Amino acid sequence: MPTDLIPALLREYGDVTRVALCDYLRPRAPHRHLYNLVADYPRRGGRMLRPSLCIATARAFGAKLEDAVRSAVALELLHNAFLVHDDVEDDSDVRRGRPTLHTLHGVPLAVNVGDALALLGLRALIDNQATLGPRLAVHVLQEAERMARESIEGQAVELGWRRDNALSLSDADYLEMVLKKTCWYTTIYPSRVGALIGTRSDRDLDKFIRFGFFLGAAFQLQDDLLNLQGDRARYGKELDGDIWEGKRTLMLISLLRDATPAERERLAGFLARERRERQPAEVGWVRERMEAYGCLDYARQVAHGLAGAAAHEGELLYSALPDSRDKRFIRELPTWVLARN
């Protein structure tokens, strides 16, 4: 079972990141239609997993905290940029317990805010030169470019499935999409950049891809399960929102595979319509069929297998490092991603 170390370090490194974020979220003109809105999502909270993993990995490999802070800030800014754009693309209603930005202010302003957050993330990466020097700062920037490209490609795959009403997807299709869309910016990039900063070398960074994939995929599966079974007061997003949006989660892919021909035809018709055309009773039917066919239990089993694989890969990567809070934090993450709610 995870100890209180993970929430403690998430708070500690999250607070450090939030303080440094203030340099990029300071009030400036134009206030009403841009920079006040730029600060909205970052100030709504969040667990700060990504920047904390970046800082913890850097420190586990011997870096000073201040060496990793700007990279952590850049990651958080890019994460919030992705969230703003994701919410527009998914037509989501709720983010971190409040209405989404485009719901409050309209799609055009929200898209521009997402662009601004991405640009501020780039600024933070450029500012790395002051602490890391130009050579290492460029390497970190190159890692960020790959992470952003992988994430955007993964998002394109998922959006394309929904546009084309893809009905014959496999578990492997889902996991490849998650590798690109979720894992690269949630777990692979923070681990690679943390190691890059800590070792001052870009050698052997590819060995973090397996660890990051297994950990990030388990994280995403747990997030998908929480969308169906999470505590409404704590979840912070719309329960059953993935069904409303027609997302090809592992549970939906499993249902499409196991359903009767009549059920599959009905499900295909539901998925072919726009979100605003779907009805609560239909969403309830999809949810009931998922439970009847054991789709949630199946996804939970896959998540546990992925977390176990992440724990194994983590031992291979970090066992030779000196003991530290940061090393223990990383080693406990595979268990924590399944226990979070």
C-alpha atoms as a PDB file:
ATOM      1  CA  MET A   1       0.000   0.000   0.000  1.00  0.00           C
ATOM      2  CA  PRO A   2       1.239   3.548  -0.703  1.00  0.00           C
ATOM      3  CA  THR A   3       2.419   5.536   2.296  1.00  0.00           C
ATOM      4  CA  ASP A   4       1.870   9.212   2.992  1.00  0.00           C
ATOM      5  CA  LEU A   5       5.114   9.991   1.126  1.00  0.00           C
ATOM      6  CA  ILE A   6       3.422  10.511  -2.237  1.00  0.00           C
ATOM      7  CA  PRO A   7       0.811  13.045  -1.074  1.00  0.00           C
ATOM      8  CA  ALA A   8       3.517  14.786   0.967  1.00  0.00           C
ATOM      9  CA  LEU A   9       5.873  15.192  -1.990  1.00  0.00           C
ATOM     10  CA  LEU A  10       3.032  16.107  -4.336  1.00  0.00           C
ATOM     11  CA  ARG A  11       2.199  18.953  -1.956  1.00  0.00           C
ATOM     12  CA  GLU A  12       5.830  19.971  -1.467  1.00  0.00           C
ATOM     13  CA  TYR A  13       6.891  19.942  -5.112  1.00  0.00           C
ATOM     14  CA  GLY A  14       3.470  21.183  -6.189  1.00  0.00           C
ATOM     15  CA  ASP A  15       3.860  24.235  -3.956  1.00  0.00           C
ATOM     16  CA  VAL A  16       7.352  24.898  -5.322  1.00  0.00           C
ATOM     17  CA  THR A  17       5.990  24.702  -8.869  1.00  0.00           C
ATOM     18  CA  ARG A  18       3.029  26.970  -8.088  1.00  0.00           C
ATOM     19  CA  VAL A  19       5.322  29.650  -6.647  1.00  0.00           C
ATOM     20  CA  ALA A  20       7.500  29.562  -9.759  1.00  0.00           C
ATOM     21  CA  LEU A  21       4.361  29.605 -11.951  1.00  0.00           C
ATOM     22  CA  CYS A  22       3.591  33.076 -10.609  1.00  0.00           C
ATOM     23  CA  ASP A  23       6.417  34.449 -12.772  1.00  0.00           C
ATOM     24  CA  TYR A  24       4.426  33.405 -15.851  1.00  0.00           C
ATOM     25  CA  LEU A  25       0.875  34.061 -14.617  1.00  0.00           C
ATOM     26  CA  ARG A  26       1.388  37.608 -13.365  1.00  0.00           C
ATOM     27  CA  PRO A  27      -1.350  40.134 -14.270  1.00  0.00           C
ATOM     28  CA  ARG A  28      -0.712  42.046 -17.464  1.00  0.00           C
ATOM     29  CA  ALA A  29      -2.633  43.519 -20.373  1.00  0.00           C
ATOM     30  CA  PRO A  30      -4.869  42.466 -21.995  1.00  0.00           C
ATOM     31  CA  HIS A  31      -6.383  41.403 -18.688  1.00  0.00           C
ATOM     32  CA  ARG A  32     -10.027  40.571 -19.294  1.00  0.00           C
ATOM     33  CA  HIS A  33      -9.773  38.580 -22.481  1.00  0.00           C
ATOM     34  CA  LEU A  34      -6.407  36.860 -22.072  1.00  0.00           C
ATOM     35  CA  TYR A  35      -4.167  36.878 -19.015  1.00  0.00           C
ATOM     36  CA  ASN A  36      -6.887  36.665 -16.368  1.00  0.00           C
ATOM     37  CA  LEU A  37      -8.161  33.607 -18.239  1.00  0.00           C
ATOM     38  CA  VAL A  38      -4.656  32.166 -18.712  1.00  0.00           C
ATOM     39  CA  ALA A  39      -4.358  31.911 -14.931  1.00  0.00           C
ATOM     40  CA  ASP A  40      -7.754  30.195 -14.502  1.00  0.00           C
ATOM     41  CA  TYR A  41      -6.966  26.483 -14.965  1.00  0.00           C
ATOM     42  CA  PRO A  42      -3.541  26.568 -13.242  1.00  0.00           C
ATOM     43  CA  ARG A  43      -5.137  28.165 -10.178  1.00  0.00           C
ATOM     44  CA  ARG A  44      -7.922  25.577  -9.941  1.00  0.00           C
ATOM     45  CA  GLY A  45      -5.520  23.111  -8.346  1.00  0.00           C
ATOM     46  CA  GLY A  46      -4.661  19.619  -9.495  1.00  0.00           C
ATOM     47  CA  ARG A  47      -2.412  16.929  -8.045  1.00  0.00           C
ATOM     48  CA  MET A  48       0.793  18.233  -9.706  1.00  0.00           C
ATOM     49  CA  LEU A  49       1.898  14.691 -10.583  1.00  0.00           C
ATOM     50  CA  ARG A  50       3.808  15.665 -13.725  1.00  0.00           C
ATOM     51  CA  PRO A  51       5.986  18.454 -12.283  1.00  0.00           C
ATOM     52  CA  SER A  52       6.525  16.442  -9.088  1.00  0.00           C
ATOM     53  CA  LEU A  53       7.733  13.414 -11.051  1.00  0.00           C
ATOM     54  CA  CYS A  54      10.084  15.659 -13.034  1.00  0.00           C
ATOM     55  CA  ILE A  55      11.570  17.199  -9.890  1.00  0.00           C
ATOM     56  CA  ALA A  56      11.739  13.911  -7.979  1.00  0.00           C
ATOM     57  CA  THR A  57      13.510  12.142 -10.854  1.00  0.00           C
ATOM     58  CA  ALA A  58      16.041  14.954 -11.216  1.00  0.00           C
ATOM     59  CA  ARG A  59      16.770  14.909  -7.492  1.00  0.00           C
ATOM     60  CA  ALA A  60      16.964  11.116  -7.373  1.00  0.00           C
ATOM     61  CA  PHE A  61      19.749  11.374  -9.970  1.00  0.00           C
ATOM     62  CA  GLY A  62      21.561  14.046  -7.967  1.00  0.00           C
ATOM     63  CA  ALA A  63      20.269  17.407  -9.217  1.00  0.00           C
ATOM     64  CA  LYS A  64      19.388  20.369  -7.042  1.00  0.00           C
ATOM     65  CA  LEU A  65      15.706  21.232  -6.776  1.00  0.00           C
ATOM     66  CA  GLU A  66      16.162  24.608  -8.460  1.00  0.00           C
ATOM     67  CA  ASP A  67      17.693  22.924 -11.510  1.00  0.00           C
ATOM     68  CA  ALA A  68      14.386  21.206 -12.309  1.00  0.00           C
ATOM     69  CA  VAL A  69      11.848  23.861 -11.347  1.00  0.00           C
ATOM     70  CA  ARG A  70      11.608  25.674 -14.699  1.00  0.00           C
ATOM     71  CA  SER A  71      11.150  22.386 -16.538  1.00  0.00           C
ATOM     72  CA  ALA A  72       8.410  21.460 -14.055  1.00  0.00           C
ATOM     73  CA  VAL A  73       6.732  24.841 -14.590  1.00  0.00           C
ATOM     74  CA  ALA A  74       6.909  24.434 -18.372  1.00  0.00           C
ATOM     75  CA  LEU A  75       5.317  21.003 -18.073  1.00  0.00           C
ATOM     76  CA  GLU A  76       2.464  22.332 -15.948  1.00  0.00           C
ATOM     77  CA  LEU A  77       1.824  25.194 -18.374  1.00  0.00           C
ATOM     78  CA  LEU A  78       1.798  22.808 -21.346  1.00  0.00           C
ATOM     79  CA  HIS A  79      -0.467  20.427 -19.431  1.00  0.00           C
ATOM     80  CA  ASN A  80      -2.992  23.205 -18.852  1.00  0.00           C
ATOM     81  CA  ALA A  81      -2.755  24.245 -22.506  1.00  0.00           C
ATOM     82  CA  PHE A  82      -3.624  20.679 -23.490  1.00  0.00           C
ATOM     83  CA  LEU A  83      -6.539  20.670 -21.030  1.00  0.00           C
ATOM     84  CA  VAL A  84      -8.051  23.858 -22.440  1.00  0.00           C
ATOM     85  CA  HIS A  85      -7.854  22.520 -25.994  1.00  0.00           C
ATOM     86  CA  ASP A  86      -9.029  19.028 -24.957  1.00  0.00           C
ATOM     87  CA  ASP A  87     -12.106  20.511 -23.308  1.00  0.00           C
ATOM     88  CA  VAL A  88     -12.987  22.374 -26.515  1.00  0.00           C
ATOM     89  CA  GLU A  89     -12.396  19.307 -28.678  1.00  0.00           C
ATOM     90  CA  ASP A  90     -14.419  17.075 -26.336  1.00  0.00           C
ATOM     91  CA  ASP A  91     -17.109  19.707 -25.665  1.00  0.00           C
ATOM     92  CA  SER A  92     -16.606  18.990 -21.955  1.00  0.00           C
ATOM     93  CA  ASP A  93     -18.671  20.803 -19.353  1.00  0.00           C
ATOM     94  CA  VAL A  94     -16.581  20.507 -16.175  1.00  0.00           C
ATOM     95  CA  ARG A  95     -12.889  20.781 -15.347  1.00  0.00           C
ATOM     96  CA  ARG A  96     -11.572  20.572 -11.774  1.00  0.00           C
ATOM     97  CA  GLY A  97     -15.021  21.039 -10.318  1.00  0.00           C
ATOM     98  CA  ARG A  98     -15.938  24.183 -12.280  1.00  0.00           C
ATOM     99  CA  PRO A  99     -17.325  24.952 -15.749  1.00  0.00           C
ATOM    100  CA  THR A 100     -14.784  24.588 -18.528  1.00  0.00           C
ATOM    101  CA  LEU A 101     -13.149  27.690 -19.947  1.00  0.00           C
ATOM    102  CA  HIS A 102     -14.971  27.581 -23.282  1.00  0.00           C
ATOM    103  CA  THR A 103     -18.295  27.135 -21.438  1.00  0.00           C
ATOM    104  CA  LEU A 104     -17.595  30.284 -19.434  1.00  0.00           C
ATOM    105  CA  HIS A 105     -16.029  32.467 -22.131  1.00  0.00           C
ATOM    106  CA  GLY A 106     -16.708  30.885 -25.533  1.00  0.00           C
ATOM    107  CA  VAL A 107     -14.610  28.734 -27.834  1.00  0.00           C
ATOM    108  CA  PRO A 108     -12.573  31.494 -29.568  1.00  0.00           C
ATOM    109  CA  LEU A 109     -11.230  32.970 -26.316  1.00  0.00           C
ATOM    110  CA  ALA A 110     -10.565  29.514 -24.853  1.00  0.00           C
ATOM    111  CA  VAL A 111      -8.556  28.395 -27.890  1.00  0.00           C
ATOM    112  CA  ASN A 112      -6.466  31.567 -27.697  1.00  0.00           C
ATOM    113  CA  VAL A 113      -5.862  31.003 -23.982  1.00  0.00           C
ATOM    114  CA  GLY A 114      -4.643  27.478 -24.716  1.00  0.00           C
ATOM    115  CA  ASP A 115      -2.238  28.902 -27.289  1.00  0.00           C
ATOM    116  CA  ALA A 116      -0.975  31.447 -24.738  1.00  0.00           C
ATOM    117  CA  LEU A 117      -0.375  28.747 -22.118  1.00  0.00           C
ATOM    118  CA  ALA A 118       1.676  26.743 -24.622  1.00  0.00           C
ATOM    119  CA  LEU A 119       3.722  29.836 -25.486  1.00  0.00           C
ATOM    120  CA  LEU A 120       4.367  30.542 -21.794  1.00  0.00           C
ATOM    121  CA  GLY A 121       5.527  26.947 -21.411  1.00  0.00           C
ATOM    122  CA  LEU A 122       8.031  27.581 -24.199  1.00  0.00           C
ATOM    123  CA  ARG A 123       9.197  30.713 -22.364  1.00  0.00           C
ATOM    124  CA  ALA A 124       9.843  28.676 -19.210  1.00  0.00           C
ATOM    125  CA  LEU A 125      11.905  26.184 -21.218  1.00  0.00           C
ATOM    126  CA  ILE A 126      13.982  29.033 -22.673  1.00  0.00           C
ATOM    127  CA  ASP A 127      14.502  30.370 -19.141  1.00  0.00           C
ATOM    128  CA  ASN A 128      16.216  27.076 -18.259  1.00  0.00           C
ATOM    129  CA  GLN A 129      19.393  28.573 -19.731  1.00  0.00           C
ATOM    130  CA  ALA A 130      19.963  30.562 -16.560  1.00  0.00           C
ATOM    131  CA  THR A 131      20.385  27.454 -14.398  1.00  0.00           C
ATOM    132  CA  LEU A 132      21.197  24.646 -16.837  1.00  0.00           C
ATOM    133  CA  GLY A 133      23.298  26.468 -19.410  1.00  0.00           C
ATOM    134  CA  PRO A 134      22.497  26.676 -23.121  1.00  0.00           C
ATOM    135  CA  ARG A 135      23.520  23.133 -24.134  1.00  0.00           C
ATOM    136  CA  LEU A 136      21.430  21.297 -21.543  1.00  0.00           C
ATOM    137  CA  ALA A 137      18.544  23.751 -21.918  1.00  0.00           C
ATOM    138  CA  VAL A 138      18.408  22.962 -25.646  1.00  0.00           C
ATOM    139  CA  HIS A 139      18.313  19.228 -24.877  1.00  0.00           C
ATOM    140  CA  VAL A 140      15.386  19.772 -22.516  1.00  0.00           C
ATOM    141  CA  LEU A 141      13.651  21.840 -25.201  1.00  0.00           C
ATOM    142  CA  GLN A 142      14.189  19.060 -27.742  1.00  0.00           C
ATOM    143  CA  GLU A 143      12.619  16.582 -25.333  1.00  0.00           C
ATOM    144  CA  ALA A 144       9.637  18.925 -24.942  1.00  0.00           C
ATOM    145  CA  GLU A 145       9.218  19.145 -28.710  1.00  0.00           C
ATOM    146  CA  ARG A 146       9.078  15.361 -28.994  1.00  0.00           C
ATOM    147  CA  MET A 147       6.656  15.100 -26.070  1.00  0.00           C
ATOM    148  CA  ALA A 148       4.310  17.698 -27.582  1.00  0.00           C
ATOM    149  CA  ARG A 149       4.457  16.002 -30.989  1.00  0.00           C
ATOM    150  CA  GLU A 150       3.712  12.566 -29.543  1.00  0.00           C
ATOM    151  CA  SER A 151       0.812  13.983 -27.504  1.00  0.00           C
ATOM    152  CA  ILE A 152      -0.730  15.813 -30.450  1.00  0.00           C
ATOM    153  CA  GLU A 153      -0.438  12.713 -32.638  1.00  0.00           C
ATOM    154  CA  GLY A 154      -2.160  10.635 -29.951  1.00  0.00           C
ATOM    155  CA  GLN A 155      -4.925  13.203 -29.670  1.00  0.00           C
ATOM    156  CA  ALA A 156      -5.391  13.115 -33.442  1.00  0.00           C
ATOM    157  CA  VAL A 157      -5.801   9.333 -33.336  1.00  0.00           C
ATOM    158  CA  GLU A 158      -8.455   9.514 -30.615  1.00  0.00           C
ATOM    159  CA  LEU A 159     -10.350  12.349 -32.285  1.00  0.00           C
ATOM    160  CA  GLY A 160     -10.198  10.500 -35.592  1.00  0.00           C
ATOM    161  CA  TRP A 161     -11.746   7.400 -34.064  1.00  0.00           C
ATOM    162  CA  ARG A 162     -14.686   9.460 -32.875  1.00  0.00           C
ATOM    163  CA  ARG A 163     -15.093  11.354 -36.137  1.00  0.00           C
ATOM    164  CA  ASP A 164     -15.000   8.145 -38.188  1.00  0.00           C
ATOM    165  CA  ASN A 165     -17.082   6.215 -35.617  1.00  0.00           C
ATOM    166  CA  ALA A 166     -14.461   3.470 -35.339  1.00  0.00           C
ATOM    167  CA  LEU A 167     -16.087   0.301 -33.990  1.00  0.00           C
ATOM    168  CA  SER A 168     -13.464  -2.431 -34.484  1.00  0.00           C
ATOM    169  CA  LEU A 169     -10.584  -1.351 -32.255  1.00  0.00           C
ATOM    170  CA  SER A 170      -8.334  -3.672 -30.274  1.00  0.00           C
ATOM    171  CA  ASP A 171      -6.731  -3.368 -26.857  1.00  0.00           C
ATOM    172  CA  ALA A 172      -3.429  -2.774 -28.652  1.00  0.00           C
ATOM    173  CA  ASP A 173      -4.960   0.161 -30.571  1.00  0.00           C
ATOM    174  CA  TYR A 174      -6.083   1.715 -27.278  1.00  0.00           C
ATOM    175  CA  LEU A 175      -2.711   1.225 -25.588  1.00  0.00           C
ATOM    176  CA  GLU A 176      -0.803   2.680 -28.542  1.00  0.00           C
ATOM    177  CA  MET A 177      -3.042   5.752 -28.480  1.00  0.00           C
ATOM    178  CA  VAL A 178      -2.550   6.099 -24.704  1.00  0.00           C
ATOM    179  CA  LEU A 179       1.214   5.737 -25.102  1.00  0.00           C
ATOM    180  CA  LYS A 180       1.245   8.790 -27.335  1.00  0.00           C
ATOM    181  CA  LYS A 181      -1.544  10.917 -25.905  1.00  0.00           C
ATOM    182  CA  THR A 182      -1.128  10.340 -22.165  1.00  0.00           C
ATOM    183  CA  CYS A 183       2.119   8.579 -21.317  1.00  0.00           C
ATOM    184  CA  TRP A 184       4.556  10.846 -23.123  1.00  0.00           C
ATOM    185  CA  TYR A 185       3.600  13.996 -21.257  1.00  0.00           C
ATOM    186  CA  THR A 186       2.421  12.442 -17.989  1.00  0.00           C
ATOM    187  CA  THR A 187       5.208   9.988 -17.158  1.00  0.00           C
ATOM    188  CA  ILE A 188       7.745   9.458 -19.960  1.00  0.00           C
ATOM    189  CA  TYR A 189       8.766  13.086 -20.479  1.00  0.00           C
ATOM    190  CA  PRO A 190       8.969  13.975 -16.758  1.00  0.00           C
ATOM    191  CA  SER A 191      11.157  10.905 -16.189  1.00  0.00           C
ATOM    192  CA  ARG A 192      13.408  11.529 -19.191  1.00  0.00           C
ATOM    193  CA  VAL A 193      13.862  15.226 -18.474  1.00  0.00           C
ATOM    194  CA  GLY A 194      14.427  14.617 -14.775  1.00  0.00           C
ATOM    195  CA  ALA A 195      17.119  12.062 -15.586  1.00  0.00           C
ATOM    196  CA  LEU A 196      18.604  14.377 -18.214  1.00  0.00           C
ATOM    197  CA  ILE A 197      18.889  17.202 -15.684  1.00  0.00           C
ATOM    198  CA  GLY A 198      20.174  14.931 -12.924  1.00  0.00           C
ATOM    199  CA  THR A 199      22.850  13.163 -14.988  1.00  0.00           C
ATOM    200  CA  ARG A 200      23.646  16.040 -17.369  1.00  0.00           C
ATOM    201  CA  SER A 201      23.598  13.424 -20.136  1.00  0.00           C
ATOM    202  CA  ASP A 202      21.094  12.397 -22.804  1.00  0.00           C
ATOM    203  CA  ARG A 203      22.541   8.868 -23.008  1.00  0.00           C
ATOM    204  CA  ASP A 204      20.163   5.956 -22.400  1.00  0.00           C
ATOM    205  CA  LEU A 205      17.042   8.108 -22.046  1.00  0.00           C
ATOM    206  CA  ASP A 206      15.048   5.625 -24.117  1.00  0.00           C
ATOM    207  CA  LYS A 207      15.104   3.165 -21.222  1.00  0.00           C
ATOM    208  CA  PHE A 208      12.557   5.395 -19.486  1.00  0.00           C
ATOM    209  CA  ILE A 209       9.970   4.802 -22.216  1.00  0.00           C
ATOM    210  CA  ARG A 210       8.966   1.349 -20.935  1.00  0.00           C
ATOM    211  CA  PHE A 211       8.627   2.515 -17.327  1.00  0.00           C
ATOM    212  CA  GLY A 212       6.734   5.619 -18.395  1.00  0.00           C
ATOM    213  CA  PHE A 213       4.432   3.674 -20.691  1.00  0.00           C
ATOM    214  CA  PHE A 214       3.417   1.100 -18.091  1.00  0.00           C
ATOM    215  CA  LEU A 215       2.962   3.740 -15.385  1.00  0.00           C
ATOM    216  CA  GLY A 216       1.143   6.213 -17.629  1.00  0.00           C
ATOM    217  CA  ALA A 217      -1.169   3.588 -19.118  1.00  0.00           C
ATOM    218  CA  ALA A 218      -2.132   2.370 -15.632  1.00  0.00           C
ATOM    219  CA  PHE A 219      -2.758   6.013 -14.692  1.00  0.00           C
ATOM    220  CA  GLN A 220      -5.002   6.549 -17.732  1.00  0.00           C
ATOM    221  CA  LEU A 221      -6.986   3.364 -17.154  1.00  0.00           C
ATOM    222  CA  GLN A 222      -7.597   4.355 -13.552  1.00  0.00           C
ATOM    223  CA  ASP A 223      -8.695   7.797 -14.773  1.00  0.00           C
ATOM    224  CA  ASP A 224     -11.112   6.153 -17.217  1.00  0.00           C
ATOM    225  CA  LEU A 225     -12.512   3.997 -14.410  1.00  0.00           C
ATOM    226  CA  LEU A 226     -12.896   6.998 -12.114  1.00  0.00           C
ATOM    227  CA  ASN A 227     -14.912   8.682 -14.863  1.00  0.00           C
ATOM    228  CA  LEU A 228     -17.476   5.924 -14.364  1.00  0.00           C
ATOM    229  CA  GLN A 229     -17.105   5.189 -10.663  1.00  0.00           C
ATOM    230  CA  GLY A 230     -15.412   8.193  -9.066  1.00  0.00           C
ATOM    231  CA  ASP A 231     -16.607  10.162  -6.069  1.00  0.00           C
ATOM    232  CA  ARG A 232     -18.619  13.021  -7.574  1.00  0.00           C
ATOM    233  CA  ALA A 233     -17.400  15.482  -4.927  1.00  0.00           C
ATOM    234  CA  ARG A 234     -13.706  14.616  -5.443  1.00  0.00           C
ATOM    235  CA  TYR A 235     -13.431  13.653  -9.099  1.00  0.00           C
ATOM    236  CA  GLY A 236     -13.566  17.194 -10.474  1.00  0.00           C
ATOM    237  CA  LYS A 237     -14.829  16.235 -13.945  1.00  0.00           C
ATOM    238  CA  GLU A 238     -18.130  15.095 -15.377  1.00  0.00           C
ATOM    239  CA  LEU A 239     -19.004  11.553 -14.303  1.00  0.00           C
ATOM    240  CA  ASP A 240     -19.805   9.346 -17.317  1.00  0.00           C
ATOM    241  CA  GLY A 241     -18.350  12.134 -19.452  1.00  0.00           C
ATOM    242  CA  ASP A 242     -16.345   9.658 -21.525  1.00  0.00           C
ATOM    243  CA  ILE A 243     -19.557   7.912 -22.562  1.00  0.00           C
ATOM    244  CA  TRP A 244     -21.256  11.218 -23.361  1.00  0.00           C
ATOM    245  CA  GLU A 245     -18.245  12.150 -25.499  1.00  0.00           C
ATOM    246  CA  GLY A 246     -18.002   8.746 -27.199  1.00  0.00           C
ATOM    247  CA  LYS A 247     -14.400   8.207 -26.135  1.00  0.00           C
ATOM    248  CA  ARG A 248     -12.930   4.862 -27.120  1.00  0.00           C
ATOM    249  CA  THR A 249     -11.898   3.761 -23.660  1.00  0.00           C
ATOM    250  CA  LEU A 250     -10.832   0.188 -23.016  1.00  0.00           C
ATOM    251  CA  MET A 251     -14.255  -0.419 -21.456  1.00  0.00           C
ATOM    252  CA  LEU A 252     -16.054   0.747 -24.597  1.00  0.00           C
ATOM    253  CA  ILE A 253     -13.743  -1.256 -26.849  1.00  0.00           C
ATOM    254  CA  SER A 254     -14.422  -4.323 -24.694  1.00  0.00           C
ATOM    255  CA  LEU A 255     -18.168  -3.729 -24.892  1.00  0.00           C
ATOM    256  CA  LEU A 256     -18.076  -3.382 -28.677  1.00  0.00           C
ATOM    257  CA  ARG A 257     -16.194  -6.676 -28.855  1.00  0.00           C
ATOM    258  CA  ASP A 258     -18.511  -8.626 -26.531  1.00  0.00           C
ATOM    259  CA  ALA A 259     -21.939  -7.149 -27.342  1.00  0.00           C
ATOM    260  CA  THR A 260     -24.588  -9.012 -29.300  1.00  0.00           C
ATOM    261  CA  PRO A 261     -25.154  -7.901 -32.911  1.00  0.00           C
ATOM    262  CA  ALA A 262     -28.306  -6.012 -31.869  1.00  0.00           C
ATOM    263  CA  GLU A 263     -26.520  -4.288 -28.993  1.00  0.00           C
ATOM    264  CA  ARG A 264     -23.588  -3.423 -31.214  1.00  0.00           C
ATOM    265  CA  GLU A 265     -25.922  -1.870 -33.790  1.00  0.00           C
ATOM    266  CA  ARG A 266     -27.605   0.204 -31.101  1.00  0.00           C
ATOM    267  CA  LEU A 267     -24.238   1.264 -29.703  1.00  0.00           C
ATOM    268  CA  ALA A 268     -22.992   2.211 -33.181  1.00  0.00           C
ATOM    269  CA  GLY A 269     -26.019   4.458 -33.649  1.00  0.00           C
ATOM    270  CA  PHE A 270     -25.414   6.109 -30.287  1.00  0.00           C
ATOM    271  CA  LEU A 271     -21.754   6.764 -31.105  1.00  0.00           C
ATOM    272  CA  ALA A 272     -22.588   8.131 -34.570  1.00  0.00           C
ATOM    273  CA  ARG A 273     -24.486  11.087 -33.094  1.00  0.00           C
ATOM    274  CA  GLU A 274     -23.066  14.320 -31.711  1.00  0.00           C
ATOM    275  CA  ARG A 275     -22.750  14.625 -27.963  1.00  0.00           C
ATOM    276  CA  ARG A 276     -25.601  17.128 -27.696  1.00  0.00           C
ATOM    277  CA  GLU A 277     -27.895  14.668 -29.486  1.00  0.00           C
ATOM    278  CA  ARG A 278     -27.319  11.886 -26.952  1.00  0.00           C
ATOM    279  CA  GLN A 279     -29.781  11.313 -24.139  1.00  0.00           C
ATOM    280  CA  PRO A 280     -29.212  10.424 -20.459  1.00  0.00           C
ATOM    281  CA  ALA A 281     -31.159   7.170 -20.843  1.00  0.00           C
ATOM    282  CA  GLU A 282     -28.838   6.097 -23.657  1.00  0.00           C
ATOM    283  CA  VAL A 283     -25.752   6.903 -21.605  1.00  0.00           C
ATOM    284  CA  GLY A 284     -27.252   4.895 -18.752  1.00  0.00           C
ATOM    285  CA  TRP A 285     -27.825   1.950 -21.085  1.00  0.00           C
ATOM    286  CA  VAL A 286     -24.197   1.996 -22.272  1.00  0.00           C
ATOM    287  CA  ARG A 287     -22.993   2.152 -18.684  1.00  0.00           C
ATOM    288  CA  GLU A 288     -25.303  -0.744 -17.684  1.00  0.00           C
ATOM    289  CA  ARG A 289     -24.070  -2.895 -20.590  1.00  0.00           C
ATOM    290  CA  MET A 290     -20.447  -2.224 -19.608  1.00  0.00           C
ATOM    291  CA  GLU A 291     -21.168  -3.479 -16.114  1.00  0.00           C
ATOM    292  CA  ALA A 292     -23.167  -6.486 -17.365  1.00  0.00           C
ATOM    293  CA  TYR A 293     -20.302  -7.634 -19.580  1.00  0.00           C
ATOM    294  CA  GLY A 294     -17.631  -7.070 -16.915  1.00  0.00           C
ATOM    295  CA  CYS A 295     -15.896  -4.358 -18.942  1.00  0.00           C
ATOM    296  CA  LEU A 296     -14.926  -2.361 -15.849  1.00  0.00           C
ATOM    297  CA  ASP A 297     -13.493  -5.412 -14.113  1.00  0.00           C
ATOM    298  CA  TYR A 298     -11.540  -6.265 -17.246  1.00  0.00           C
ATOM    299  CA  ALA A 299     -10.053  -2.758 -17.446  1.00  0.00           C
ATOM    300  CA  ARG A 300      -9.187  -2.918 -13.762  1.00  0.00           C
ATOM    301  CA  GLN A 301      -7.298  -6.182 -14.299  1.00  0.00           C
ATOM    302  CA  VAL A 302      -5.357  -4.672 -17.201  1.00  0.00           C
ATOM    303  CA  ALA A 303      -4.501  -1.624 -15.065  1.00  0.00           C
ATOM    304  CA  HIS A 304      -3.153  -3.853 -12.300  1.00  0.00           C
ATOM    305  CA  GLY A 305      -1.007  -5.741 -14.799  1.00  0.00           C
ATOM    306  CA  LEU A 306       0.388  -2.486 -16.193  1.00  0.00           C
ATOM    307  CA  ALA A 307       1.131  -1.158 -12.705  1.00  0.00           C
ATOM    308  CA  GLY A 308       2.968  -4.375 -11.878  1.00  0.00           C
ATOM    309  CA  ALA A 309       5.044  -4.031 -15.025  1.00  0.00           C
ATOM    310  CA  ALA A 310       5.803  -0.399 -14.101  1.00  0.00           C
ATOM    311  CA  ALA A 311       7.010  -1.503 -10.670  1.00  0.00           C
ATOM    312  CA  HIS A 312       9.328  -4.064 -12.292  1.00  0.00           C
ATOM    313  CA  GLU A 313      10.742  -1.536 -14.759  1.00  0.00           C
ATOM    314  CA  GLY A 314      11.184   0.984 -11.956  1.00  0.00           C
ATOM    315  CA  GLU A 315      13.325  -1.465 -10.022  1.00  0.00           C
ATOM    316  CA  LEU A 316      15.567  -1.922 -13.054  1.00  0.00           C
ATOM    317  CA  LEU A 317      15.937   1.835 -13.519  1.00  0.00           C
ATOM    318  CA  TYR A 318      16.340   3.098  -9.972  1.00  0.00           C
ATOM    319  CA  SER A 319      17.643   0.231  -7.805  1.00  0.00           C
ATOM    320  CA  ALA A 320      21.301   1.319  -8.102  1.00  0.00           C
ATOM    321  CA  LEU A 321      20.589   4.885  -6.940  1.00  0.00           C
ATOM    322  CA  PRO A 322      21.179   5.897  -3.305  1.00  0.00           C
ATOM    323  CA  ASP A 323      18.125   5.716  -1.078  1.00  0.00           C
ATOM    324  CA  SER A 324      16.165   8.977  -0.893  1.00  0.00           C
ATOM    325  CA  ARG A 325      12.643  10.306  -0.507  1.00  0.00           C
ATOM    326  CA  ASP A 326      12.597  10.942  -4.226  1.00  0.00           C
ATOM    327  CA  LYS A 327      13.558   7.392  -5.105  1.00  0.00           C
ATOM    328  CA  ARG A 328      10.906   6.009  -2.730  1.00  0.00           C
ATOM    329  CA  PHE A 329       8.326   8.400  -4.226  1.00  0.00           C
ATOM    330  CA  ILE A 330       8.993   7.034  -7.713  1.00  0.00           C
ATOM    331  CA  ARG A 331       8.928   3.422  -6.530  1.00  0.00           C
ATOM    332  CA  GLU A 332       5.540   3.897  -4.850  1.00  0.00           C
ATOM    333  CA  LEU A 333       3.871   5.541  -7.850  1.00  0.00           C
ATOM    334  CA  PRO A 334       2.674   2.299  -9.525  1.00  0.00           C
ATOM    335  CA  THR A 335       0.675   1.426  -6.406  1.00  0.00           C
ATOM    336  CA  TRP A 336      -0.548   4.984  -5.917  1.00  0.00           C
ATOM    337  CA  VAL A 337      -1.958   5.404  -9.430  1.00  0.00           C
ATOM    338  CA  LEU A 338      -4.383   2.548  -8.751  1.00  0.00           C
ATOM    339  CA  ALA A 339      -5.295   3.688  -5.238  1.00  0.00           C
ATOM    340  CA  ARG A 340      -6.075   7.318  -6.080  1.00  0.00           C
ATOM    341  CA  ASN A 341      -9.695   8.477  -6.199  1.00  0.00           C
END
